[in-house]
PDB file of N, CA and C in Angstrom:
ATOM      1  N   MET A   1       1.517  -1.262  -0.033  1.00  0.00           N
ATOM      2  CA  MET A   1       0.215   0.266  -0.239  1.00  0.00           C
ATOM      3  C   MET A   1       1.145   1.262   0.077  1.00  0.00           C
ATOM      4  N   GLU A   2       0.837   2.415  -0.987  1.00  0.00           N
ATOM      5  CA  GLU A   2       1.415   3.157  -0.787  1.00  0.00           C
ATOM      6  C   GLU A   2       0.967   4.707  -0.016  1.00  0.00           C
ATOM      7  N   THR A   3       2.070   4.662   0.492  1.00  0.00           N
ATOM      8  CA  THR A   3       1.394   6.033   1.284  1.00  0.00           C
ATOM      9  C   THR A   3       1.500   7.494   1.182  1.00  0.00           C
ATOM     10  N   SER A   4       0.753   7.907   1.103  1.00  0.00           N
ATOM     11  CA  SER A   4       0.563   9.406   0.329  1.00  0.00           C
ATOM     12  C   SER A   4       1.524  10.515   1.486  1.00  0.00           C
ATOM     13  N   ARG A   5       1.775  11.480   0.986  1.00  0.00           N
ATOM     14  CA  ARG A   5       2.974  12.464   2.055  1.00  0.00           C
ATOM     15  C   ARG A   5       2.142  13.743   2.176  1.00  0.00           C
ATOM     16  N   ARG A   6       1.652  14.170   3.311  1.00  0.00           N
ATOM     17  CA  ARG A   6       0.825  15.423   3.265  1.00  0.00           C
ATOM     18  C   ARG A   6       2.081  16.708   2.499  1.00  0.00           C
ATOM     19  N   ASP A   7       1.398  17.292   1.664  1.00  0.00           N
ATOM     20  CA  ASP A   7       1.973  18.703   1.129  1.00  0.00           C
ATOM     21  C   ASP A   7       1.875  19.752   2.357  1.00  0.00           C
ATOM     22  N   ALA A   8       2.916  19.981   2.745  1.00  0.00           N
ATOM     23  CA  ALA A   8       2.394  21.837   3.725  1.00  0.00           C
ATOM     24  C   ALA A   8       2.153  22.758   2.859  1.00  0.00           C
ATOM     25  N   ARG A   9       2.497  22.681   2.014  1.00  0.00           N
ATOM     26  CA  ARG A   9       2.673  24.267   1.513  1.00  0.00           C
ATOM     27  C   ARG A   9       0.510  24.251   1.036  1.00  0.00           C
ATOM     28  N   PHE A  10       0.169  23.404   0.811  1.00  0.00           N
ATOM     29  CA  PHE A  10      -1.323  23.349   0.599  1.00  0.00           C
ATOM     30  C   PHE A  10      -1.917  23.556   2.336  1.00  0.00           C
ATOM     31  N   ASP A  11      -1.630  22.760   3.042  1.00  0.00           N
ATOM     32  CA  ASP A  11      -1.812  23.275   4.395  1.00  0.00           C
ATOM     33  C   ASP A  11      -1.874  24.802   4.645  1.00  0.00           C
ATOM     34  N   ASN A  12      -0.664  25.624   4.820  1.00  0.00           N
ATOM     35  CA  ASN A  12      -0.306  26.379   4.571  1.00  0.00           C
ATOM     36  C   ASN A  12      -1.334  27.605   4.063  1.00  0.00           C
ATOM     37  N   LEU A  13      -1.554  27.115   2.389  1.00  0.00           N
ATOM     38  CA  LEU A  13      -2.441  28.137   1.725  1.00  0.00           C
ATOM     39  C   LEU A  13      -3.359  28.112   2.767  1.00  0.00           C
ATOM     40  N   LYS A  14      -3.936  26.729   2.761  1.00  0.00           N
ATOM     41  CA  LYS A  14      -5.621  26.483   3.353  1.00  0.00           C
ATOM     42  C   LYS A  14      -5.687  27.319   4.589  1.00  0.00           C
ATOM     43  N   GLY A  15      -4.572  27.572   5.493  1.00  0.00           N
ATOM     44  CA  GLY A  15      -4.466  28.644   6.501  1.00  0.00           C
ATOM     45  C   GLY A  15      -4.921  29.146   6.796  1.00  0.00           C
ATOM     46  N   ILE A  16      -3.830  30.260   5.374  1.00  0.00           N
ATOM     47  CA  ILE A  16      -4.295  31.769   5.008  1.00  0.00           C
ATOM     48  C   ILE A  16      -5.476  31.987   4.750  1.00  0.00           C
ATOM     49  N   LEU A  17      -5.798  30.914   3.954  1.00  0.00           N
ATOM     50  CA  LEU A  17      -7.276  31.538   3.271  1.00  0.00           C
ATOM     51  C   LEU A  17      -8.363  31.575   4.312  1.00  0.00           C
ATOM     52  N   ILE A  18      -8.280  30.654   5.478  1.00  0.00           N
ATOM     53  CA  ILE A  18      -9.430  30.859   6.713  1.00  0.00           C
ATOM     54  C   ILE A  18      -9.179  31.731   7.267  1.00  0.00           C
ATOM     55  N   PHE A  19      -7.592  32.124   7.675  1.00  0.00           N
ATOM     56  CA  PHE A  19      -7.335  33.501   8.471  1.00  0.00           C
ATOM     57  C   PHE A  19      -8.023  34.782   7.753  1.00  0.00           C
ATOM     58  N   LEU A  20      -7.879  34.704   6.148  1.00  0.00           N
ATOM     59  CA  LEU A  20      -8.329  35.922   5.257  1.00  0.00           C
ATOM     60  C   LEU A  20     -10.331  36.163   5.208  1.00  0.00           C
ATOM     61  N   VAL A  21     -10.867  34.743   5.642  1.00  0.00           N
ATOM     62  CA  VAL A  21     -11.770  34.455   5.723  1.00  0.00           C
ATOM     63  C   VAL A  21     -12.404  35.398   6.665  1.00  0.00           C
ATOM     64  N   VAL A  22     -12.094  35.351   8.202  1.00  0.00           N
ATOM     65  CA  VAL A  22     -12.045  35.724   9.756  1.00  0.00           C
ATOM     66  C   VAL A  22     -11.782  37.354   9.394  1.00  0.00           C
ATOM     67  N   PHE A  23     -10.500  37.347   8.573  1.00  0.00           N
ATOM     68  CA  PHE A  23     -10.152  38.938   8.861  1.00  0.00           C
ATOM     69  C   PHE A  23     -11.255  39.624   8.097  1.00  0.00           C
ATOM     70  N   GLY A  24     -11.749  39.128   6.894  1.00  0.00           N
ATOM     71  CA  GLY A  24     -12.695  39.715   5.905  1.00  0.00           C
ATOM     72  C   GLY A  24     -13.992  39.865   7.128  1.00  0.00           C
ATOM     73  N   HIS A  25     -14.506  39.180   7.903  1.00  0.00           N
ATOM     74  CA  HIS A  25     -15.716  38.957   8.386  1.00  0.00           C
ATOM     75  C   HIS A  25     -15.462  40.367   9.606  1.00  0.00           C
ATOM     76  N   LEU A  26     -14.456  40.406  10.240  1.00  0.00           N
ATOM     77  CA  LEU A  26     -13.871  41.717  10.849  1.00  0.00           C
ATOM     78  C   LEU A  26     -13.867  42.679  10.228  1.00  0.00           C
ATOM     79  N   LEU A  27     -13.273  43.044   9.002  1.00  0.00           N
ATOM     80  CA  LEU A  27     -13.500  43.949   8.779  1.00  0.00           C
ATOM     81  C   LEU A  27     -15.351  44.706   7.937  1.00  0.00           C
ATOM     82  N   GLU A  28     -16.230  43.705   8.328  1.00  0.00           N
ATOM     83  CA  GLU A  28     -17.078  44.329   8.084  1.00  0.00           C
ATOM     84  C   GLU A  28     -17.622  45.003   9.145  1.00  0.00           C
ATOM     85  N   LEU A  29     -17.012  44.974  10.436  1.00  0.00           N
ATOM     86  CA  LEU A  29     -17.345  45.723  11.159  1.00  0.00           C
ATOM     87  C   LEU A  29     -16.833  47.150  11.388  1.00  0.00           C
ATOM     88  N   VAL A  30     -15.408  47.234  10.618  1.00  0.00           N
ATOM     89  CA  VAL A  30     -14.880  48.513  10.824  1.00  0.00           C
ATOM     90  C   VAL A  30     -15.671  49.332  10.111  1.00  0.00           C
ATOM     91  N   GLY A  31     -15.989  49.280   8.777  1.00  0.00           N
ATOM     92  CA  GLY A  31     -16.669  50.291   7.651  1.00  0.00           C
ATOM     93  C   GLY A  31     -15.636  51.034   7.379  1.00  0.00           C
ATOM     94  N   GLY A  32     -15.840  52.098   6.608  1.00  0.00           N
ATOM     95  CA  GLY A  32     -15.186  52.894   5.802  1.00  0.00           C
ATOM     96  C   GLY A  32     -14.823  52.386   4.433  1.00  0.00           C
ATOM     97  N   PRO A  33     -14.110  53.498   3.485  1.00  0.00           N
ATOM     98  CA  PRO A  33     -13.675  53.135   2.065  1.00  0.00           C
ATOM     99  C   PRO A  33     -12.488  51.800   2.098  1.00  0.00           C
ATOM    100  N   ALA A  34     -11.622  52.042   2.849  1.00  0.00           N
ATOM    101  CA  ALA A  34     -10.511  51.508   2.896  1.00  0.00           C
ATOM    102  C   ALA A  34     -10.693  49.724   3.246  1.00  0.00           C
ATOM    103  N   ALA A  35     -11.796  49.830   4.064  1.00  0.00           N
ATOM    104  CA  ALA A  35     -11.710  48.375   4.800  1.00  0.00           C
ATOM    105  C   ALA A  35     -13.054  47.719   3.930  1.00  0.00           C
ATOM    106  N   ALA A  36     -14.033  48.451   3.030  1.00  0.00           N
ATOM    107  CA  ALA A  36     -14.757  48.413   1.880  1.00  0.00           C
ATOM    108  C   ALA A  36     -13.626  47.515   0.949  1.00  0.00           C
ATOM    109  N   TRP A  37     -12.909  48.244   0.572  1.00  0.00           N
ATOM    110  CA  TRP A  37     -11.458  47.871  -0.836  1.00  0.00           C
ATOM    111  C   TRP A  37     -11.167  46.680  -0.260  1.00  0.00           C
ATOM    112  N   LEU A  38     -10.630  46.466   1.021  1.00  0.00           N
ATOM    113  CA  LEU A  38      -9.628  45.329   1.145  1.00  0.00           C
ATOM    114  C   LEU A  38     -11.344  44.659   1.345  1.00  0.00           C
ATOM    115  N   TYR A  39     -12.378  44.356   1.991  1.00  0.00           N
ATOM    116  CA  TYR A  39     -13.073  43.058   2.198  1.00  0.00           C
ATOM    117  C   TYR A  39     -13.341  42.792   0.297  1.00  0.00           C
ATOM    118  N   ARG A  40     -13.552  43.543  -0.384  1.00  0.00           N
ATOM    119  CA  ARG A  40     -13.903  43.281  -2.069  1.00  0.00           C
ATOM    120  C   ARG A  40     -12.930  42.512  -2.287  1.00  0.00           C
ATOM    121  N   LEU A  41     -11.602  42.781  -2.051  1.00  0.00           N
ATOM    122  CA  LEU A  41     -10.203  42.311  -2.672  1.00  0.00           C
ATOM    123  C   LEU A  41     -10.216  40.705  -1.887  1.00  0.00           C
ATOM    124  N   ILE A  42     -10.126  40.719  -0.591  1.00  0.00           N
ATOM    125  CA  ILE A  42     -10.212  39.497  -0.430  1.00  0.00           C
ATOM    126  C   ILE A  42     -11.722  38.221  -0.786  1.00  0.00           C
ATOM    127  N   TYR A  43     -12.169  38.723  -1.055  1.00  0.00           N
ATOM    128  CA  TYR A  43     -13.315  38.414  -0.838  1.00  0.00           C
ATOM    129  C   TYR A  43     -13.681  38.164  -2.656  1.00  0.00           C
ATOM    130  N   SER A  44     -12.888  38.855  -3.667  1.00  0.00           N
ATOM    131  CA  SER A  44     -12.515  38.261  -4.868  1.00  0.00           C
ATOM    132  C   SER A  44     -11.794  37.436  -5.391  1.00  0.00           C
ATOM    133  N   PHE A  45     -10.569  36.303  -4.263  1.00  0.00           N
ATOM    134  CA  PHE A  45     -10.055  35.359  -4.561  1.00  0.00           C
ATOM    135  C   PHE A  45      -9.824  34.301  -3.962  1.00  0.00           C
ATOM    136  N   HIS A  46     -10.795  34.369  -2.176  1.00  0.00           N
ATOM    137  CA  HIS A  46     -10.356  33.493  -1.185  1.00  0.00           C
ATOM    138  C   HIS A  46     -11.372  32.424  -1.992  1.00  0.00           C
ATOM    139  N   MET A  47     -12.156  32.338  -2.083  1.00  0.00           N
ATOM    140  CA  MET A  47     -13.296  31.120  -2.806  1.00  0.00           C
ATOM    141  C   MET A  47     -13.021  30.636  -3.740  1.00  0.00           C
ATOM    142  N   PRO A  48     -12.277  30.994  -4.862  1.00  0.00           N
ATOM    143  CA  PRO A  48     -11.890  30.182  -5.909  1.00  0.00           C
ATOM    144  C   PRO A  48     -10.459  29.588  -5.478  1.00  0.00           C
ATOM    145  N   ALA A  49      -9.800  30.030  -4.676  1.00  0.00           N
ATOM    146  CA  ALA A  49      -8.727  29.650  -4.205  1.00  0.00           C
ATOM    147  C   ALA A  49      -8.752  28.005  -3.122  1.00  0.00           C
ATOM    148  N   PHE A  50      -9.964  28.225  -2.280  1.00  0.00           N
ATOM    149  CA  PHE A  50     -10.295  27.324  -1.902  1.00  0.00           C
ATOM    150  C   PHE A  50     -10.960  26.178  -2.505  1.00  0.00           C
ATOM    151  N   VAL A  51     -11.577  26.296  -3.760  1.00  0.00           N
ATOM    152  CA  VAL A  51     -12.191  25.785  -4.589  1.00  0.00           C
ATOM    153  C   VAL A  51     -10.787  25.025  -5.224  1.00  0.00           C
ATOM    154  N   PHE A  52      -9.972  25.808  -5.749  1.00  0.00           N
ATOM    155  CA  PHE A  52      -8.633  24.983  -6.512  1.00  0.00           C
ATOM    156  C   PHE A  52      -7.700  24.343  -5.349  1.00  0.00           C
ATOM    157  N   CYS A  53      -7.937  24.675  -4.330  1.00  0.00           N
ATOM    158  CA  CYS A  53      -7.266  23.561  -3.225  1.00  0.00           C
ATOM    159  C   CYS A  53      -8.010  22.327  -2.889  1.00  0.00           C
ATOM    160  N   SER A  54      -9.260  22.116  -2.792  1.00  0.00           N
ATOM    161  CA  SER A  54      -9.909  21.045  -3.069  1.00  0.00           C
ATOM    162  C   SER A  54     -10.247  20.444  -4.182  1.00  0.00           C
ATOM    163  N   GLY A  55     -10.059  20.583  -4.980  1.00  0.00           N
ATOM    164  CA  GLY A  55     -10.421  20.439  -6.175  1.00  0.00           C
ATOM    165  C   GLY A  55      -9.261  19.585  -7.066  1.00  0.00           C
ATOM    166  N   TRP A  56      -7.776  20.137  -6.372  1.00  0.00           N
ATOM    167  CA  TRP A  56      -6.611  19.631  -6.674  1.00  0.00           C
ATOM    168  C   TRP A  56      -6.457  18.219  -6.144  1.00  0.00           C
ATOM    169  N   PHE A  57      -7.067  17.691  -5.071  1.00  0.00           N
ATOM    170  CA  PHE A  57      -7.121  16.290  -4.552  1.00  0.00           C
ATOM    171  C   PHE A  57      -8.453  15.400  -4.851  1.00  0.00           C
ATOM    172  N   ALA A  58      -9.329  16.049  -5.431  1.00  0.00           N
ATOM    173  CA  ALA A  58     -10.238  15.437  -5.934  1.00  0.00           C
ATOM    174  C   ALA A  58     -10.850  14.715  -7.205  1.00  0.00           C
ATOM    175  N   ARG A  59     -10.889  13.436  -7.281  1.00  0.00           N
ATOM    176  CA  ARG A  59     -11.325  12.882  -8.615  1.00  0.00           C
ATOM    177  C   ARG A  59     -12.632  13.464  -8.982  1.00  0.00           C
ATOM    178  N   PHE A  60     -12.977  13.932 -10.325  1.00  0.00           N
ATOM    179  CA  PHE A  60     -13.962  14.343 -10.734  1.00  0.00           C
ATOM    180  C   PHE A  60     -15.148  12.873 -11.213  1.00  0.00           C
ATOM    181  N   ASP A  61     -15.683  12.980 -11.155  1.00  0.00           N
ATOM    182  CA  ASP A  61     -17.066  12.145 -11.812  1.00  0.00           C
ATOM    183  C   ASP A  61     -18.501  13.248 -11.897  1.00  0.00           C
ATOM    184  N   ALA A  62     -18.442  13.138 -12.844  1.00  0.00           N
ATOM    185  CA  ALA A  62     -19.755  14.016 -13.788  1.00  0.00           C
ATOM    186  C   ALA A  62     -20.922  13.778 -13.132  1.00  0.00           C
ATOM    187  N   ALA A  63     -21.401  12.040 -13.443  1.00  0.00           N
ATOM    188  CA  ALA A  63     -22.734  12.186 -13.130  1.00  0.00           C
ATOM    189  C   ALA A  63     -23.085  12.265 -11.135  1.00  0.00           C
ATOM    190  N   ARG A  64     -21.944  11.935 -10.524  1.00  0.00           N
ATOM    191  CA  ARG A  64     -22.013  12.415  -9.101  1.00  0.00           C
ATOM    192  C   ARG A  64     -21.863  13.769  -8.543  1.00  0.00           C
ATOM    193  N   PHE A  65     -21.306  14.419  -9.748  1.00  0.00           N
ATOM    194  CA  PHE A  65     -21.252  15.816  -9.366  1.00  0.00           C
ATOM    195  C   PHE A  65     -22.560  16.702  -9.741  1.00  0.00           C
ATOM    196  N   PHE A  66     -23.615  16.477 -10.803  1.00  0.00           N
ATOM    197  CA  PHE A  66     -24.801  16.510 -11.076  1.00  0.00           C
ATOM    198  C   PHE A  66     -25.592  16.481 -10.561  1.00  0.00           C
ATOM    199  N   ARG A  67     -25.485  14.954  -9.893  1.00  0.00           N
ATOM    200  CA  ARG A  67     -26.138  14.432  -8.854  1.00  0.00           C
ATOM    201  C   ARG A  67     -26.195  14.578  -7.937  1.00  0.00           C
ATOM    202  N   ARG A  68     -25.355  15.088  -7.350  1.00  0.00           N
ATOM    203  CA  ARG A  68     -25.030  15.353  -5.550  1.00  0.00           C
ATOM    204  C   ARG A  68     -24.578  16.763  -5.386  1.00  0.00           C
ATOM    205  N   LEU A  69     -24.054  17.295  -6.097  1.00  0.00           N
ATOM    206  CA  LEU A  69     -23.610  18.932  -5.998  1.00  0.00           C
ATOM    207  C   LEU A  69     -24.735  19.922  -6.910  1.00  0.00           C
ATOM    208  N   LEU A  70     -24.957  19.676  -8.258  1.00  0.00           N
ATOM    209  CA  LEU A  70     -24.953  20.454  -8.793  1.00  0.00           C
ATOM    210  C   LEU A  70     -26.740  20.819  -9.081  1.00  0.00           C
ATOM    211  N   TYR A  71     -27.515  19.381  -8.933  1.00  0.00           N
ATOM    212  CA  TYR A  71     -28.845  19.391  -9.350  1.00  0.00           C
ATOM    213  C   TYR A  71     -29.525  19.979  -7.671  1.00  0.00           C
ATOM    214  N   PRO A  72     -29.374  19.745  -6.417  1.00  0.00           N
ATOM    215  CA  PRO A  72     -29.518  20.267  -5.405  1.00  0.00           C
ATOM    216  C   PRO A  72     -29.296  21.714  -5.001  1.00  0.00           C
ATOM    217  N   TYR A  73     -28.113  22.140  -5.424  1.00  0.00           N
ATOM    218  CA  TYR A  73     -27.936  23.522  -5.474  1.00  0.00           C
ATOM    219  C   TYR A  73     -28.976  24.862  -6.806  1.00  0.00           C
ATOM    220  N   LEU A  74     -29.297  23.970  -7.934  1.00  0.00           N
ATOM    221  CA  LEU A  74     -30.266  24.570  -8.425  1.00  0.00           C
ATOM    222  C   LEU A  74     -31.586  24.718  -8.110  1.00  0.00           C
ATOM    223  N   VAL A  75     -32.290  23.395  -7.358  1.00  0.00           N
ATOM    224  CA  VAL A  75     -33.240  23.208  -6.734  1.00  0.00           C
ATOM    225  C   VAL A  75     -33.708  24.253  -6.091  1.00  0.00           C
ATOM    226  N   TYR A  76     -32.584  24.127  -4.883  1.00  0.00           N
ATOM    227  CA  TYR A  76     -32.479  25.224  -3.898  1.00  0.00           C
ATOM    228  C   TYR A  76     -32.610  26.591  -3.880  1.00  0.00           C
ATOM    229  N   GLN A  77     -31.947  26.660  -5.001  1.00  0.00           N
ATOM    230  CA  GLN A  77     -31.727  28.206  -5.123  1.00  0.00           C
ATOM    231  C   GLN A  77     -32.837  28.442  -5.899  1.00  0.00           C
ATOM    232  N   THR A  78     -33.460  28.179  -6.635  1.00  0.00           N
ATOM    233  CA  THR A  78     -35.025  28.447  -7.583  1.00  0.00           C
ATOM    234  C   THR A  78     -35.913  28.201  -6.307  1.00  0.00           C
ATOM    235  N   LEU A  79     -35.881  27.262  -5.727  1.00  0.00           N
ATOM    236  CA  LEU A  79     -36.468  27.496  -4.026  1.00  0.00           C
ATOM    237  C   LEU A  79     -36.400  28.931  -3.651  1.00  0.00           C
ATOM    238  N   TYR A  80     -35.444  29.410  -3.269  1.00  0.00           N
ATOM    239  CA  TYR A  80     -35.049  30.996  -2.372  1.00  0.00           C
ATOM    240  C   TYR A  80     -34.884  31.750  -3.201  1.00  0.00           C
ATOM    241  N   LEU A  81     -34.842  31.623  -4.684  1.00  0.00           N
ATOM    242  CA  LEU A  81     -35.576  32.389  -5.501  1.00  0.00           C
ATOM    243  C   LEU A  81     -36.979  33.225  -5.129  1.00  0.00           C
ATOM    244  N   LEU A  82     -37.593  32.242  -5.166  1.00  0.00           N
ATOM    245  CA  LEU A  82     -39.274  32.072  -5.520  1.00  0.00           C
ATOM    246  C   LEU A  82     -39.544  32.746  -4.084  1.00  0.00           C
ATOM    247  N   PHE A  83     -39.101  32.088  -2.776  1.00  0.00           N
ATOM    248  CA  PHE A  83     -39.328  32.465  -1.297  1.00  0.00           C
ATOM    249  C   PHE A  83     -39.195  34.167  -1.284  1.00  0.00           C
ATOM    250  N   ASP A  84     -38.006  34.540  -1.797  1.00  0.00           N
ATOM    251  CA  ASP A  84     -37.441  36.121  -1.949  1.00  0.00           C
ATOM    252  C   ASP A  84     -38.338  36.535  -2.585  1.00  0.00           C
ATOM    253  N   ARG A  85     -39.115  36.221  -3.814  1.00  0.00           N
ATOM    254  CA  ARG A  85     -39.716  37.208  -4.720  1.00  0.00           C
ATOM    255  C   ARG A  85     -41.016  36.861  -3.970  1.00  0.00           C
ATOM    256  N   LEU A  86     -41.773  35.892  -3.839  1.00  0.00           N
ATOM    257  CA  LEU A  86     -42.945  35.931  -3.395  1.00  0.00           C
ATOM    258  C   LEU A  86     -43.451  36.210  -2.100  1.00  0.00           C
ATOM    259  N   VAL A  87     -42.496  35.909  -0.934  1.00  0.00           N
ATOM    260  CA  VAL A  87     -42.893  36.326   0.505  1.00  0.00           C
ATOM    261  C   VAL A  87     -42.233  36.950   1.139  1.00  0.00           C
ATOM    262  N   LEU A  88     -41.254  37.350   0.497  1.00  0.00           N
ATOM    263  CA  LEU A  88     -40.282  38.474   1.345  1.00  0.00           C
ATOM    264  C   LEU A  88     -40.437  40.068   0.248  1.00  0.00           C
ATOM    265  N   HIS A  89     -40.896  39.602  -1.041  1.00  0.00           N
ATOM    266  CA  HIS A  89     -41.065  40.753  -2.014  1.00  0.00           C
ATOM    267  C   HIS A  89     -40.011  41.514  -1.934  1.00  0.00           C
ATOM    268  N   GLY A  90     -38.713  40.371  -1.951  1.00  0.00           N
ATOM    269  CA  GLY A  90     -37.366  41.214  -2.501  1.00  0.00           C
ATOM    270  C   GLY A  90     -37.470  41.262  -3.849  1.00  0.00           C
ATOM    271  N   ASP A  91     -36.400  42.347  -4.574  1.00  0.00           N
ATOM    272  CA  ASP A  91     -35.659  42.297  -5.627  1.00  0.00           C
ATOM    273  C   ASP A  91     -34.436  41.298  -5.973  1.00  0.00           C
ATOM    274  N   ALA A  92     -34.589  40.114  -5.613  1.00  0.00           N
ATOM    275  CA  ALA A  92     -33.643  39.322  -6.121  1.00  0.00           C
ATOM    276  C   ALA A  92     -33.694  39.302  -7.790  1.00  0.00           C
ATOM    277  N   PRO A  93     -31.943  39.505  -7.986  1.00  0.00           N
ATOM    278  CA  PRO A  93     -31.566  39.714  -9.689  1.00  0.00           C
ATOM    279  C   PRO A  93     -32.223  38.108 -10.392  1.00  0.00           C
TER     280      PRO A  93
END
């Protein structure tokens, strides 16, 4: 049996990204134009970076992706938009 070694670089990257999430939430409390700019900067790349890190180690199965991720997302997002529009009278895009 082959043992795989952890790559510390990915662990460090994930740790930095988690810190940026917490820091971004703290920036919401600060307010001001500089905090808003920094918030938008952090949130423009940290989630795609998380997806990249997770996808690096994942095996892709298109049928499983559609059945377990994409289909439920589409169903619940549609239900949420309907609820927002009909019940909350929101102006969802």
